Structures are given as structure tokens and as C-alpha cells.
């Protein structure tokens, strides 16, 4: 098991299993999902081995819990470049990447793929940072998705504006794969 976290909150389990937190609480309270309560608190904690056992028993998709790889969606209109970035991330062994060439296509991929990080070219027509970040925040299963703005015209002023709109990080184009991985790692290090 390559997953760095060994114990999960009910909220984290809900995101992993793609259910509401109250559903996880019911599983826990009924004894179906084993774990423990924090002394002096109602907070529940579920060790990773109990979660994996529960998910396998009930046929729930393991996603990045089993592989330990972070799911990344790259939204960029330049298909060949996007595919190249996706392959480089996949080959690093730490990421599972999918690509989309438009905001519309990205919506379909997000629903199916459930990425942890979205890299979005904000210079693309139809990519509105504020709308994208508000949409992600409004869907409970996607609220913890980390959003990275990619731009060939990134200035200090529009970087600040993108961060105010809800992006977690920005990255100026052109970039190399090491800069991209460092940016993703910085996003993932932020407590969610």
C-alpha cells in the first residue's frame, strides 16, 4: 500500500468512496466500517487497512487509494503537448493523468475520473477561473480538488487575481516536467 496517510477522517473516507460524510458515519456507527473515536470527541478515525478491507468487501472502486498515484486532469487546447505532459506524469510513477481539450470535455472527464488536481490553461476560450473554482467548491465530492492555472501570459497581477478566484497555484508556460511536478506536490502538501 503506497498511500501516505494511514488514518482517515470520515470526510476523507467520504471523498475516497464518493459518498456523503453522513453515509460514512452510518457505516461506522453500524459497525460495518471499523475504526475508533478520538477520546473526548465525537470525531471518528478509520485506519487505512480497515478502509481497504471495507471497500474490497463492498466492491467499491479503490482509485488512488490502492495505486498511491495522484489523479491529475490536464485541460489544455494543445492536444499533442497535453498528451506529452500526461505521458510524462504517468511515467513518473506518482501520477495518473487524463487530458481534456475544452471546458466541456473536462466536465465529462471530471465526473468519471475524479481527479485530485486539475491543471487548467486559463488562456483557453471557455476556461473561466472563477466559474471553474466555484463549480468545484459547489460539488462536495470535488471540493478538495486542487486547481492549478497554466498560462503563457502570467504576470504578478493576474497570478494574484487567479489565486483570489480560487486557484491553489499558478504555473507560467513554458515549463518543464520538474516544475510541473513541484507545483503539483506543493498543492498536495496543503491540508485539505
N, C-alpha and C. Protein backbone atom coordinates (compact mmCIF):
# COMPACT_ATOMS: atom_id res chain seq x y z
N UNK A 1 0.86 -1.18 0.00
CA UNK A 1 0.00 0.00 0.00
C UNK A 1 0.89 1.23 0.00
N UNK A 2 0.77 2.04 -1.03
CA UNK A 2 1.65 3.18 -1.19
C UNK A 2 1.05 4.48 -0.68
N UNK A 3 -0.15 4.42 -0.13
CA UNK A 3 -0.81 5.65 0.29
C UNK A 3 -0.12 6.23 1.51
N UNK A 4 0.18 7.57 1.50
CA UNK A 4 0.94 8.15 2.59
C UNK A 4 0.15 8.27 3.89
N UNK A 5 -1.19 8.41 3.81
CA UNK A 5 -1.98 8.57 5.01
C UNK A 5 -2.35 7.20 5.56
N UNK A 6 -2.21 7.02 6.85
CA UNK A 6 -2.51 5.72 7.46
C UNK A 6 -3.87 5.72 8.17
N UNK A 7 -4.39 6.90 8.51
CA UNK A 7 -5.66 7.01 9.22
C UNK A 7 -6.46 8.14 8.56
N UNK A 8 -7.76 7.91 8.36
CA UNK A 8 -8.60 8.87 7.67
C UNK A 8 -9.72 9.38 8.55
N UNK A 9 -10.15 10.62 8.30
CA UNK A 9 -11.35 11.17 8.92
C UNK A 9 -12.55 10.68 8.12
N UNK A 10 -13.76 10.87 8.65
CA UNK A 10 -14.95 10.47 7.90
C UNK A 10 -15.07 11.29 6.62
N UNK A 11 -14.67 12.55 6.65
CA UNK A 11 -14.71 13.38 5.45
C UNK A 11 -13.78 12.86 4.37
N UNK A 12 -12.59 12.43 4.76
CA UNK A 12 -11.65 11.87 3.78
C UNK A 12 -12.18 10.56 3.21
N UNK A 13 -12.76 9.72 4.06
CA UNK A 13 -13.34 8.45 3.59
C UNK A 13 -14.48 8.75 2.62
N UNK A 14 -15.30 9.75 2.94
CA UNK A 14 -16.42 10.12 2.06
C UNK A 14 -15.91 10.51 0.68
N UNK A 15 -14.82 11.29 0.61
CA UNK A 15 -14.25 11.69 -0.68
C UNK A 15 -13.69 10.48 -1.43
N UNK A 16 -13.01 9.60 -0.72
CA UNK A 16 -12.42 8.41 -1.34
C UNK A 16 -13.52 7.51 -1.91
N UNK A 17 -14.59 7.31 -1.12
CA UNK A 17 -15.68 6.41 -1.52
C UNK A 17 -16.75 7.11 -2.36
N UNK A 18 -16.63 8.44 -2.48
CA UNK A 18 -17.58 9.25 -3.26
C UNK A 18 -19.00 9.13 -2.71
N UNK A 19 -19.10 9.30 -1.40
CA UNK A 19 -20.40 9.30 -0.73
C UNK A 19 -20.45 10.49 0.22
N UNK A 20 -21.60 10.74 0.80
CA UNK A 20 -21.74 11.82 1.76
C UNK A 20 -21.09 11.43 3.09
N UNK A 21 -20.54 12.40 3.83
CA UNK A 21 -19.93 12.08 5.13
C UNK A 21 -20.90 11.37 6.08
N UNK A 22 -22.19 11.72 6.03
CA UNK A 22 -23.16 11.06 6.93
C UNK A 22 -23.28 9.57 6.62
N UNK A 23 -23.06 9.19 5.34
CA UNK A 23 -23.09 7.78 4.97
C UNK A 23 -21.94 7.04 5.65
N UNK A 24 -20.76 7.66 5.65
CA UNK A 24 -19.60 7.05 6.31
C UNK A 24 -19.87 6.92 7.81
N UNK A 25 -20.47 7.95 8.41
CA UNK A 25 -20.81 7.89 9.84
C UNK A 25 -21.75 6.73 10.13
N UNK A 26 -22.71 6.50 9.23
CA UNK A 26 -23.65 5.38 9.41
C UNK A 26 -22.91 4.05 9.32
N UNK A 27 -22.01 3.92 8.33
CA UNK A 27 -21.21 2.70 8.21
C UNK A 27 -20.43 2.45 9.50
N UNK A 28 -19.83 3.51 10.02
CA UNK A 28 -19.02 3.41 11.23
C UNK A 28 -19.89 3.03 12.43
N UNK A 29 -20.99 3.77 12.63
CA UNK A 29 -21.86 3.55 13.79
C UNK A 29 -22.53 2.19 13.78
N UNK A 30 -22.77 1.62 12.58
CA UNK A 30 -23.40 0.30 12.49
C UNK A 30 -22.37 -0.83 12.63
N UNK A 31 -21.08 -0.47 12.66
CA UNK A 31 -20.04 -1.48 12.80
C UNK A 31 -19.56 -2.08 11.49
N UNK A 32 -20.13 -1.62 10.35
CA UNK A 32 -19.69 -2.14 9.05
C UNK A 32 -18.26 -1.69 8.72
N UNK A 33 -17.94 -0.45 9.10
CA UNK A 33 -16.62 0.12 8.86
C UNK A 33 -15.94 0.32 10.20
N UNK A 34 -14.84 -0.40 10.41
CA UNK A 34 -14.18 -0.37 11.71
C UNK A 34 -13.24 0.82 11.83
N UNK A 35 -13.13 1.31 13.04
CA UNK A 35 -12.25 2.44 13.34
C UNK A 35 -12.34 2.76 14.82
N UNK A 36 -12.06 4.00 15.17
CA UNK A 36 -12.13 4.40 16.57
C UNK A 36 -12.51 5.87 16.66
N UNK A 37 -12.95 6.26 17.86
CA UNK A 37 -13.28 7.67 18.13
C UNK A 37 -12.11 8.32 18.86
N UNK A 38 -11.92 9.59 18.59
CA UNK A 38 -10.91 10.37 19.31
C UNK A 38 -11.44 10.55 20.73
N UNK A 39 -10.64 10.20 21.76
CA UNK A 39 -11.12 10.34 23.15
C UNK A 39 -11.61 11.76 23.45
N UNK A 40 -12.78 11.84 24.08
CA UNK A 40 -13.35 13.13 24.45
C UNK A 40 -13.97 13.88 23.28
N UNK A 41 -14.21 13.16 22.19
CA UNK A 41 -14.71 13.80 20.98
C UNK A 41 -15.65 12.84 20.25
N UNK A 42 -16.45 13.38 19.36
CA UNK A 42 -17.30 12.53 18.52
C UNK A 42 -16.59 12.18 17.21
N UNK A 43 -15.39 12.74 16.99
CA UNK A 43 -14.65 12.52 15.75
C UNK A 43 -14.25 11.06 15.60
N UNK A 44 -14.45 10.55 14.40
CA UNK A 44 -14.12 9.16 14.09
C UNK A 44 -12.85 9.12 13.25
N UNK A 45 -12.08 8.04 13.38
CA UNK A 45 -10.89 7.82 12.57
C UNK A 45 -10.92 6.40 12.05
N UNK A 46 -10.58 6.24 10.78
CA UNK A 46 -10.61 4.93 10.15
C UNK A 46 -9.21 4.59 9.63
N UNK A 47 -8.57 3.57 10.20
CA UNK A 47 -7.25 3.14 9.70
C UNK A 47 -7.37 2.64 8.26
N UNK A 48 -6.34 2.89 7.47
CA UNK A 48 -6.36 2.56 6.05
C UNK A 48 -6.63 1.09 5.80
N UNK A 49 -6.10 0.21 6.63
CA UNK A 49 -6.32 -1.23 6.38
C UNK A 49 -7.78 -1.61 6.54
N UNK A 50 -8.51 -0.97 7.50
CA UNK A 50 -9.94 -1.24 7.67
C UNK A 50 -10.73 -0.68 6.49
N UNK A 51 -10.32 0.50 6.00
CA UNK A 51 -11.00 1.09 4.86
C UNK A 51 -10.82 0.22 3.61
N UNK A 52 -9.61 -0.23 3.35
CA UNK A 52 -9.35 -1.07 2.19
C UNK A 52 -10.17 -2.35 2.27
N UNK A 53 -10.20 -2.99 3.43
CA UNK A 53 -10.98 -4.22 3.62
C UNK A 53 -12.46 -3.96 3.33
N UNK A 54 -13.00 -2.86 3.87
CA UNK A 54 -14.40 -2.50 3.68
C UNK A 54 -14.70 -2.26 2.20
N UNK A 55 -13.80 -1.51 1.52
CA UNK A 55 -14.03 -1.19 0.11
C UNK A 55 -13.99 -2.44 -0.76
N UNK A 56 -13.06 -3.32 -0.48
CA UNK A 56 -12.98 -4.57 -1.26
C UNK A 56 -14.22 -5.44 -1.02
N UNK A 57 -14.65 -5.54 0.24
CA UNK A 57 -15.81 -6.36 0.58
C UNK A 57 -17.06 -5.88 -0.14
N UNK A 58 -17.18 -4.56 -0.30
CA UNK A 58 -18.39 -3.98 -0.89
C UNK A 58 -18.20 -3.60 -2.36
N UNK A 59 -17.07 -3.99 -2.94
CA UNK A 59 -16.85 -3.75 -4.37
C UNK A 59 -16.71 -2.29 -4.76
N UNK A 60 -16.26 -1.46 -3.83
CA UNK A 60 -16.08 -0.03 -4.13
C UNK A 60 -14.77 0.18 -4.89
N UNK A 61 -14.75 1.07 -5.88
CA UNK A 61 -13.51 1.30 -6.63
C UNK A 61 -12.42 1.86 -5.72
N UNK A 62 -11.23 1.31 -5.85
CA UNK A 62 -10.12 1.69 -4.97
C UNK A 62 -9.45 2.99 -5.40
N UNK A 63 -9.51 3.34 -6.69
CA UNK A 63 -8.92 4.59 -7.16
C UNK A 63 -7.47 4.73 -6.74
N UNK A 64 -7.09 5.96 -6.34
CA UNK A 64 -5.69 6.20 -5.98
C UNK A 64 -5.34 5.67 -4.59
N UNK A 65 -6.34 5.18 -3.84
CA UNK A 65 -6.06 4.59 -2.53
C UNK A 65 -5.18 3.35 -2.71
N UNK A 66 -5.49 2.56 -3.73
CA UNK A 66 -4.75 1.32 -3.95
C UNK A 66 -3.44 1.57 -4.70
N UNK A 67 -3.48 2.44 -5.70
CA UNK A 67 -2.29 2.65 -6.52
C UNK A 67 -1.30 3.60 -5.86
N UNK A 68 -1.80 4.50 -5.00
CA UNK A 68 -0.93 5.50 -4.40
C UNK A 68 -0.59 6.62 -5.36
N UNK A 69 -1.17 6.59 -6.57
CA UNK A 69 -0.88 7.62 -7.57
C UNK A 69 -1.95 8.70 -7.53
N UNK A 70 -1.52 9.95 -7.64
CA UNK A 70 -2.44 11.08 -7.63
C UNK A 70 -3.04 11.26 -9.01
N UNK A 71 -4.39 11.37 -9.07
CA UNK A 71 -5.07 11.58 -10.34
C UNK A 71 -5.02 13.05 -10.73
N UNK A 72 -4.53 13.32 -11.95
CA UNK A 72 -4.36 14.68 -12.45
C UNK A 72 -5.09 14.81 -13.78
N UNK A 73 -5.90 15.87 -13.91
CA UNK A 73 -6.55 16.20 -15.17
C UNK A 73 -5.88 17.43 -15.75
N UNK A 74 -5.49 17.34 -17.03
CA UNK A 74 -4.85 18.45 -17.73
C UNK A 74 -5.85 18.98 -18.76
N UNK A 75 -6.24 20.24 -18.62
CA UNK A 75 -7.18 20.86 -19.55
C UNK A 75 -6.41 21.91 -20.35
N UNK A 76 -6.18 21.60 -21.62
CA UNK A 76 -5.38 22.47 -22.47
C UNK A 76 -5.77 22.18 -23.92
N UNK A 77 -5.88 23.21 -24.72
CA UNK A 77 -6.31 23.05 -26.10
C UNK A 77 -5.27 22.49 -27.04
N UNK A 78 -4.04 22.42 -26.61
CA UNK A 78 -2.97 21.92 -27.48
C UNK A 78 -2.78 20.44 -27.22
N UNK A 79 -3.52 19.62 -27.98
CA UNK A 79 -3.61 18.18 -27.75
C UNK A 79 -2.28 17.45 -27.68
N UNK A 80 -1.38 17.70 -28.61
CA UNK A 80 -0.11 16.97 -28.62
C UNK A 80 0.71 17.29 -27.38
N UNK A 81 0.77 18.57 -27.02
CA UNK A 81 1.52 18.97 -25.83
C UNK A 81 0.87 18.39 -24.57
N UNK A 82 -0.44 18.45 -24.52
CA UNK A 82 -1.18 17.93 -23.37
C UNK A 82 -0.94 16.44 -23.20
N UNK A 83 -0.99 15.69 -24.32
CA UNK A 83 -0.73 14.25 -24.26
C UNK A 83 0.69 13.97 -23.80
N UNK A 84 1.65 14.77 -24.25
CA UNK A 84 3.04 14.61 -23.84
C UNK A 84 3.20 14.82 -22.33
N UNK A 85 2.56 15.86 -21.81
CA UNK A 85 2.61 16.13 -20.37
C UNK A 85 1.96 14.98 -19.60
N UNK A 86 0.81 14.52 -20.09
CA UNK A 86 0.12 13.41 -19.44
C UNK A 86 0.98 12.16 -19.39
N UNK A 87 1.64 11.84 -20.50
CA UNK A 87 2.52 10.65 -20.53
C UNK A 87 3.69 10.82 -19.55
N UNK A 88 4.28 12.02 -19.50
CA UNK A 88 5.40 12.26 -18.59
C UNK A 88 4.97 12.09 -17.13
N UNK A 89 3.78 12.57 -16.80
CA UNK A 89 3.27 12.40 -15.44
C UNK A 89 3.02 10.93 -15.14
N UNK A 90 2.38 10.22 -16.07
CA UNK A 90 2.13 8.78 -15.90
C UNK A 90 3.44 8.02 -15.68
N UNK A 91 4.44 8.34 -16.51
CA UNK A 91 5.71 7.62 -16.45
C UNK A 91 6.51 7.91 -15.19
N UNK A 92 6.18 9.01 -14.49
CA UNK A 92 6.88 9.31 -13.24
C UNK A 92 6.56 8.28 -12.17
N UNK A 93 5.42 7.57 -12.33
CA UNK A 93 5.01 6.56 -11.36
C UNK A 93 4.23 7.12 -10.19
N UNK A 94 4.13 8.45 -10.09
CA UNK A 94 3.44 9.08 -8.96
C UNK A 94 2.06 9.62 -9.34
N UNK A 95 1.78 9.67 -10.64
CA UNK A 95 0.56 10.30 -11.10
C UNK A 95 -0.16 9.43 -12.12
N UNK A 96 -1.47 9.58 -12.17
CA UNK A 96 -2.29 9.01 -13.22
C UNK A 96 -2.96 10.19 -13.90
N UNK A 97 -2.66 10.43 -15.15
CA UNK A 97 -3.12 11.64 -15.84
C UNK A 97 -4.17 11.33 -16.89
N UNK A 98 -5.11 12.26 -17.04
CA UNK A 98 -6.08 12.27 -18.12
C UNK A 98 -6.02 13.67 -18.74
N UNK A 99 -6.49 13.79 -19.96
CA UNK A 99 -6.45 15.08 -20.64
C UNK A 99 -7.82 15.45 -21.18
N UNK A 100 -8.02 16.75 -21.37
CA UNK A 100 -9.22 17.29 -22.00
C UNK A 100 -8.80 18.53 -22.76
N UNK A 101 -9.43 18.75 -23.92
CA UNK A 101 -9.04 19.89 -24.75
C UNK A 101 -10.00 21.07 -24.63
N UNK A 102 -11.07 20.93 -23.84
CA UNK A 102 -12.02 22.02 -23.66
C UNK A 102 -12.65 21.91 -22.28
N UNK A 103 -13.30 23.01 -21.87
CA UNK A 103 -14.00 23.01 -20.58
C UNK A 103 -15.13 21.98 -20.60
N UNK A 104 -15.82 21.86 -21.74
CA UNK A 104 -16.91 20.90 -21.86
C UNK A 104 -16.40 19.47 -21.69
N UNK A 105 -15.32 19.14 -22.40
CA UNK A 105 -14.74 17.81 -22.29
C UNK A 105 -14.25 17.55 -20.87
N UNK A 106 -13.68 18.58 -20.25
CA UNK A 106 -13.17 18.45 -18.87
C UNK A 106 -14.29 18.08 -17.91
N UNK A 107 -15.49 18.64 -18.11
CA UNK A 107 -16.61 18.32 -17.24
C UNK A 107 -16.94 16.84 -17.24
N UNK A 108 -16.91 16.24 -18.42
CA UNK A 108 -17.19 14.81 -18.53
C UNK A 108 -16.09 13.99 -17.88
N UNK A 109 -14.84 14.39 -18.08
CA UNK A 109 -13.71 13.66 -17.51
C UNK A 109 -13.71 13.76 -15.98
N UNK A 110 -14.00 14.95 -15.46
CA UNK A 110 -14.03 15.15 -14.00
C UNK A 110 -15.04 14.20 -13.36
N UNK A 111 -16.22 14.10 -13.95
CA UNK A 111 -17.27 13.25 -13.37
C UNK A 111 -16.83 11.79 -13.31
N UNK A 112 -16.13 11.32 -14.31
CA UNK A 112 -15.74 9.91 -14.38
C UNK A 112 -14.43 9.63 -13.65
N UNK A 113 -13.47 10.54 -13.78
CA UNK A 113 -12.10 10.31 -13.32
C UNK A 113 -11.85 10.73 -11.87
N UNK A 114 -12.62 11.71 -11.39
CA UNK A 114 -12.48 12.23 -10.02
C UNK A 114 -11.03 12.62 -9.71
N UNK A 115 -10.48 13.61 -10.42
CA UNK A 115 -9.08 13.99 -10.20
C UNK A 115 -8.87 14.65 -8.85
N UNK A 116 -7.66 14.58 -8.35
CA UNK A 116 -7.26 15.30 -7.11
C UNK A 116 -6.68 16.66 -7.47
N UNK A 117 -6.14 16.78 -8.71
CA UNK A 117 -5.55 18.03 -9.18
C UNK A 117 -6.04 18.27 -10.61
N UNK A 118 -6.43 19.53 -10.89
CA UNK A 118 -6.77 19.93 -12.25
C UNK A 118 -5.79 21.02 -12.67
N UNK A 119 -5.11 20.78 -13.79
CA UNK A 119 -4.23 21.77 -14.40
C UNK A 119 -5.01 22.37 -15.55
N UNK A 120 -5.36 23.66 -15.47
CA UNK A 120 -6.22 24.28 -16.48
C UNK A 120 -5.52 25.45 -17.15
N UNK A 121 -5.44 25.41 -18.48
CA UNK A 121 -4.90 26.51 -19.26
C UNK A 121 -5.94 27.62 -19.25
N UNK A 122 -5.69 28.68 -18.50
CA UNK A 122 -6.67 29.76 -18.36
C UNK A 122 -6.68 30.68 -19.57
N UNK A 123 -5.79 30.46 -20.54
CA UNK A 123 -5.80 31.22 -21.78
C UNK A 123 -6.76 30.62 -22.81
N UNK A 124 -7.29 29.43 -22.51
CA UNK A 124 -8.23 28.76 -23.42
C UNK A 124 -9.59 29.46 -23.41
N UNK A 125 -10.21 29.61 -24.57
CA UNK A 125 -11.59 30.13 -24.57
C UNK A 125 -12.49 29.16 -23.79
N UNK A 126 -13.37 29.70 -22.98
CA UNK A 126 -14.29 28.86 -22.22
C UNK A 126 -13.78 28.44 -20.86
N UNK A 127 -12.51 28.76 -20.54
CA UNK A 127 -11.98 28.45 -19.21
C UNK A 127 -12.03 29.74 -18.40
N UNK A 128 -13.02 29.84 -17.56
CA UNK A 128 -13.17 30.99 -16.68
C UNK A 128 -12.83 30.52 -15.27
N UNK A 129 -11.76 31.06 -14.75
CA UNK A 129 -11.26 30.61 -13.45
C UNK A 129 -12.27 30.68 -12.33
N UNK A 130 -12.97 31.79 -12.25
CA UNK A 130 -13.94 31.96 -11.16
C UNK A 130 -15.06 30.93 -11.28
N UNK A 131 -15.56 30.71 -12.49
CA UNK A 131 -16.64 29.74 -12.70
C UNK A 131 -16.16 28.33 -12.36
N UNK A 132 -14.96 27.99 -12.81
CA UNK A 132 -14.40 26.67 -12.55
C UNK A 132 -14.22 26.42 -11.05
N UNK A 133 -13.61 27.37 -10.36
CA UNK A 133 -13.37 27.17 -8.92
C UNK A 133 -14.68 27.14 -8.13
N UNK A 134 -15.66 27.96 -8.54
CA UNK A 134 -16.96 27.93 -7.85
C UNK A 134 -17.68 26.60 -8.08
N UNK A 135 -17.58 26.08 -9.31
CA UNK A 135 -18.21 24.80 -9.60
C UNK A 135 -17.60 23.70 -8.72
N UNK A 136 -16.28 23.65 -8.66
CA UNK A 136 -15.62 22.62 -7.86
C UNK A 136 -16.00 22.74 -6.39
N UNK A 137 -16.07 23.98 -5.88
CA UNK A 137 -16.43 24.19 -4.47
C UNK A 137 -17.88 23.80 -4.19
N UNK A 138 -18.75 23.89 -5.23
CA UNK A 138 -20.17 23.61 -5.02
C UNK A 138 -20.50 22.12 -5.01
N UNK A 139 -19.61 21.29 -5.52
CA UNK A 139 -19.85 19.84 -5.56
C UNK A 139 -19.03 19.21 -4.44
N UNK A 140 -19.70 18.67 -3.44
CA UNK A 140 -18.98 18.22 -2.23
C UNK A 140 -17.88 17.21 -2.54
N UNK A 141 -18.11 16.33 -3.52
CA UNK A 141 -17.09 15.32 -3.86
C UNK A 141 -15.86 15.94 -4.51
N UNK A 142 -15.99 17.18 -5.02
CA UNK A 142 -14.89 17.84 -5.73
C UNK A 142 -14.31 19.01 -4.95
N UNK A 143 -14.85 19.30 -3.78
CA UNK A 143 -14.45 20.49 -3.05
C UNK A 143 -12.96 20.52 -2.70
N UNK A 144 -12.32 19.36 -2.59
CA UNK A 144 -10.91 19.32 -2.22
C UNK A 144 -9.98 19.17 -3.42
N UNK A 145 -10.53 19.28 -4.63
CA UNK A 145 -9.68 19.21 -5.82
C UNK A 145 -8.79 20.45 -5.84
N UNK A 146 -7.50 20.23 -6.08
CA UNK A 146 -6.55 21.33 -6.16
C UNK A 146 -6.53 21.84 -7.60
N UNK A 147 -6.60 23.15 -7.76
CA UNK A 147 -6.72 23.78 -9.06
C UNK A 147 -5.48 24.60 -9.38
N UNK A 148 -4.83 24.26 -10.51
CA UNK A 148 -3.60 24.94 -10.93
C UNK A 148 -3.86 25.64 -12.25
N UNK A 149 -3.61 26.95 -12.29
CA UNK A 149 -3.76 27.72 -13.53
C UNK A 149 -2.47 27.68 -14.32
N UNK A 150 -2.59 27.33 -15.61
CA UNK A 150 -1.46 27.37 -16.52
C UNK A 150 -1.69 28.54 -17.47
N UNK A 151 -0.64 29.34 -17.72
CA UNK A 151 -0.82 30.48 -18.61
C UNK A 151 0.50 30.89 -19.23
N UNK A 152 0.42 31.24 -20.52
CA UNK A 152 1.60 31.76 -21.22
C UNK A 152 1.76 33.26 -20.99
N UNK A 153 0.74 33.88 -20.41
CA UNK A 153 0.77 35.33 -20.20
C UNK A 153 0.64 35.68 -18.71
N UNK A 154 1.31 34.91 -17.88
CA UNK A 154 1.17 35.07 -16.44
C UNK A 154 2.01 36.25 -15.93
N UNK A 155 1.34 37.22 -15.33
CA UNK A 155 2.02 38.34 -14.67
C UNK A 155 1.74 38.24 -13.18
N UNK A 156 2.45 39.03 -12.40
CA UNK A 156 2.22 39.03 -10.95
C UNK A 156 0.77 39.42 -10.64
N UNK A 157 0.24 40.39 -11.38
CA UNK A 157 -1.12 40.87 -11.13
C UNK A 157 -2.16 39.79 -11.47
N UNK A 158 -2.01 39.14 -12.65
CA UNK A 158 -3.05 38.14 -12.94
C UNK A 158 -2.82 36.86 -12.16
N UNK A 159 -1.60 36.60 -11.69
CA UNK A 159 -1.38 35.46 -10.78
C UNK A 159 -2.19 35.69 -9.50
N UNK A 160 -2.08 36.90 -8.95
CA UNK A 160 -2.82 37.23 -7.73
C UNK A 160 -4.32 37.14 -7.96
N UNK A 161 -4.79 37.61 -9.13
CA UNK A 161 -6.22 37.53 -9.44
C UNK A 161 -6.68 36.08 -9.52
N UNK A 162 -5.88 35.21 -10.13
CA UNK A 162 -6.24 33.78 -10.22
C UNK A 162 -6.29 33.15 -8.84
N UNK A 163 -5.37 33.49 -7.96
CA UNK A 163 -5.39 32.95 -6.60
C UNK A 163 -6.63 33.45 -5.86
N UNK A 164 -7.02 34.70 -6.10
CA UNK A 164 -8.23 35.25 -5.47
C UNK A 164 -9.49 34.55 -6.00
N UNK A 165 -9.44 34.11 -7.26
CA UNK A 165 -10.59 33.44 -7.87
C UNK A 165 -10.76 32.00 -7.38
N UNK A 166 -9.76 31.48 -6.67
CA UNK A 166 -9.90 30.13 -6.12
C UNK A 166 -8.87 29.13 -6.61
N UNK A 167 -7.95 29.55 -7.47
CA UNK A 167 -6.88 28.63 -7.87
C UNK A 167 -5.92 28.45 -6.70
N UNK A 168 -5.37 27.25 -6.57
CA UNK A 168 -4.44 26.96 -5.48
C UNK A 168 -3.00 27.30 -5.85
N UNK A 169 -2.69 27.25 -7.14
CA UNK A 169 -1.34 27.51 -7.64
C UNK A 169 -1.44 28.02 -9.06
N UNK A 170 -0.34 28.60 -9.52
CA UNK A 170 -0.23 29.01 -10.92
C UNK A 170 1.11 28.52 -11.45
N UNK A 171 1.18 28.34 -12.77
CA UNK A 171 2.43 27.93 -13.39
C UNK A 171 2.51 28.59 -14.76
N UNK A 172 3.60 29.33 -14.98
CA UNK A 172 3.79 30.04 -16.25
C UNK A 172 4.28 29.06 -17.32
N UNK A 173 3.73 29.21 -18.52
CA UNK A 173 4.20 28.45 -19.67
C UNK A 173 5.30 29.27 -20.35
N UNK A 174 6.29 28.65 -20.91
CA UNK A 174 6.56 27.22 -20.91
C UNK A 174 7.14 26.77 -19.57
N UNK A 175 6.97 25.50 -19.26
CA UNK A 175 7.52 24.92 -18.04
C UNK A 175 8.07 23.55 -18.38
N UNK A 176 8.93 23.04 -17.51
CA UNK A 176 9.40 21.67 -17.73
C UNK A 176 8.67 20.74 -16.76
N UNK A 177 8.80 19.46 -16.97
CA UNK A 177 8.06 18.48 -16.18
C UNK A 177 8.42 18.56 -14.70
N UNK A 178 9.67 18.91 -14.39
CA UNK A 178 10.08 19.01 -12.98
C UNK A 178 9.37 20.18 -12.29
N UNK A 179 9.22 21.31 -13.00
CA UNK A 179 8.49 22.44 -12.43
C UNK A 179 7.02 22.06 -12.20
N UNK A 180 6.47 21.32 -13.15
CA UNK A 180 5.08 20.90 -13.03
C UNK A 180 4.89 19.98 -11.82
N UNK A 181 5.75 19.00 -11.67
CA UNK A 181 5.65 18.07 -10.55
C UNK A 181 5.84 18.82 -9.22
N UNK A 182 6.77 19.76 -9.16
CA UNK A 182 6.96 20.55 -7.94
C UNK A 182 5.69 21.34 -7.60
N UNK A 183 5.04 21.89 -8.62
CA UNK A 183 3.80 22.64 -8.41
C UNK A 183 2.70 21.74 -7.88
N UNK A 184 2.54 20.56 -8.48
CA UNK A 184 1.54 19.60 -8.01
C UNK A 184 1.84 19.17 -6.58
N UNK A 185 3.11 18.89 -6.29
CA UNK A 185 3.49 18.48 -4.93
C UNK A 185 3.18 19.58 -3.91
N UNK A 186 3.40 20.85 -4.28
CA UNK A 186 3.08 21.96 -3.38
C UNK A 186 1.58 21.98 -3.09
N UNK A 187 0.77 21.77 -4.12
CA UNK A 187 -0.69 21.73 -3.94
C UNK A 187 -1.09 20.60 -3.00
N UNK A 188 -0.51 19.43 -3.23
CA UNK A 188 -0.90 18.26 -2.46
C UNK A 188 -0.43 18.36 -1.01
N UNK A 189 0.57 19.19 -0.74
CA UNK A 189 1.08 19.34 0.63
C UNK A 189 0.16 20.22 1.47
N UNK A 190 -0.73 20.97 0.82
CA UNK A 190 -1.65 21.85 1.53
C UNK A 190 -2.73 21.00 2.18
N UNK A 191 -2.97 21.17 3.50
CA UNK A 191 -4.02 20.38 4.15
C UNK A 191 -5.37 20.68 3.53
N UNK A 192 -6.15 19.62 3.28
CA UNK A 192 -7.49 19.82 2.70
C UNK A 192 -8.55 19.53 3.73
